[in-house]
Amino acid sequence: MIVYETKVVLPSRIFKEAQNKEHLKKLVLQYMQRYPDYAVKAVKNGFAICERR
């Protein structure tokens, strides 16, 4: 299986709503359900760094 690293722009509302790191993680994972083939590896500079399968 070929795996690609890709970046997904996260909406700024996620960062505004997040009360702490755990809440941010939850919000990012909820948002990323729109991308079923993407696995989040990190969040950096407003992007979700993902592996796409």
C-alpha atoms as a PDB file:
ATOM      1  CA  MET A   1       0.000   0.000   0.000  1.00  0.00           C
ATOM      2  CA  ILE A   2       1.292   3.449  -0.911  1.00  0.00           C
ATOM      3  CA  VAL A   3       1.116   6.067   1.854  1.00  0.00           C
ATOM      4  CA  TYR A   4       1.342   9.790   1.112  1.00  0.00           C
ATOM      5  CA  GLU A   5       1.986  12.568   3.588  1.00  0.00           C
ATOM      6  CA  THR A   6      -0.356  15.487   3.084  1.00  0.00           C
ATOM      7  CA  LYS A   7      -1.529  18.623   4.880  1.00  0.00           C
ATOM      8  CA  VAL A   8      -5.148  19.553   5.534  1.00  0.00           C
ATOM      9  CA  VAL A   9      -5.981  23.161   6.424  1.00  0.00           C
ATOM     10  CA  LEU A  10      -7.886  23.289   9.690  1.00  0.00           C
ATOM     11  CA  PRO A  11     -10.560  25.941  10.238  1.00  0.00           C
ATOM     12  CA  SER A  12      -9.540  28.708  12.647  1.00  0.00           C
ATOM     13  CA  ARG A  13     -12.716  28.098  14.668  1.00  0.00           C
ATOM     14  CA  ILE A  14     -11.184  24.850  15.940  1.00  0.00           C
ATOM     15  CA  PHE A  15      -8.314  26.753  17.549  1.00  0.00           C
ATOM     16  CA  LYS A  16     -10.656  29.420  18.943  1.00  0.00           C
ATOM     17  CA  GLU A  17     -13.029  26.833  20.465  1.00  0.00           C
ATOM     18  CA  ALA A  18     -10.337  24.619  21.967  1.00  0.00           C
ATOM     19  CA  GLN A  19     -10.073  25.011  25.726  1.00  0.00           C
ATOM     20  CA  ASN A  20      -6.904  22.907  26.057  1.00  0.00           C
ATOM     21  CA  LYS A  21      -4.765  20.436  24.121  1.00  0.00           C
ATOM     22  CA  GLU A  22      -7.083  17.485  24.713  1.00  0.00           C
ATOM     23  CA  HIS A  23     -10.101  19.473  23.525  1.00  0.00           C
ATOM     24  CA  LEU A  24      -8.134  20.611  20.448  1.00  0.00           C
ATOM     25  CA  LYS A  25      -7.291  16.977  19.661  1.00  0.00           C
ATOM     26  CA  LYS A  26     -10.963  16.011  19.946  1.00  0.00           C
ATOM     27  CA  LEU A  27     -12.076  18.882  17.671  1.00  0.00           C
ATOM     28  CA  VAL A  28      -9.436  18.055  15.063  1.00  0.00           C
ATOM     29  CA  LEU A  29     -10.426  14.380  14.999  1.00  0.00           C
ATOM     30  CA  GLN A  30     -14.101  15.329  14.640  1.00  0.00           C
ATOM     31  CA  TYR A  31     -13.268  17.622  11.722  1.00  0.00           C
ATOM     32  CA  MET A  32     -11.066  14.993  10.072  1.00  0.00           C
ATOM     33  CA  GLN A  33     -13.970  12.531   9.884  1.00  0.00           C
ATOM     34  CA  ARG A  34     -14.695  14.323   6.590  1.00  0.00           C
ATOM     35  CA  TYR A  35     -11.505  12.731   5.254  1.00  0.00           C
ATOM     36  CA  PRO A  36     -11.921   8.993   5.903  1.00  0.00           C
ATOM     37  CA  ASP A  37      -8.661   7.939   4.211  1.00  0.00           C
ATOM     38  CA  TYR A  38      -6.520  10.368   6.231  1.00  0.00           C
ATOM     39  CA  ALA A  39      -4.798   9.518   9.518  1.00  0.00           C
ATOM     40  CA  VAL A  40      -3.689  12.536  11.571  1.00  0.00           C
ATOM     41  CA  LYS A  41      -0.068  12.376  12.683  1.00  0.00           C
ATOM     42  CA  ALA A  42       0.387  15.939  14.007  1.00  0.00           C
ATOM     43  CA  VAL A  43      -1.070  19.425  14.071  1.00  0.00           C
ATOM     44  CA  LYS A  44       1.293  22.202  13.064  1.00  0.00           C
ATOM     45  CA  ASN A  45       0.805  25.836  12.035  1.00  0.00           C
ATOM     46  CA  GLY A  46      -2.923  25.444  11.390  1.00  0.00           C
ATOM     47  CA  PHE A  47      -2.547  22.240   9.388  1.00  0.00           C
ATOM     48  CA  ALA A  48      -3.260  18.619  10.187  1.00  0.00           C
ATOM     49  CA  ILE A  49      -0.253  16.626   8.987  1.00  0.00           C
ATOM     50  CA  CYS A  50      -1.720  13.350   7.747  1.00  0.00           C
ATOM     51  CA  GLU A  51      -0.923  10.076   6.085  1.00  0.00           C
ATOM     52  CA  ARG A  52      -3.245   9.345   3.185  1.00  0.00           C
ATOM     53  CA  ARG A  53      -3.903   5.751   2.222  1.00  0.00           C
END
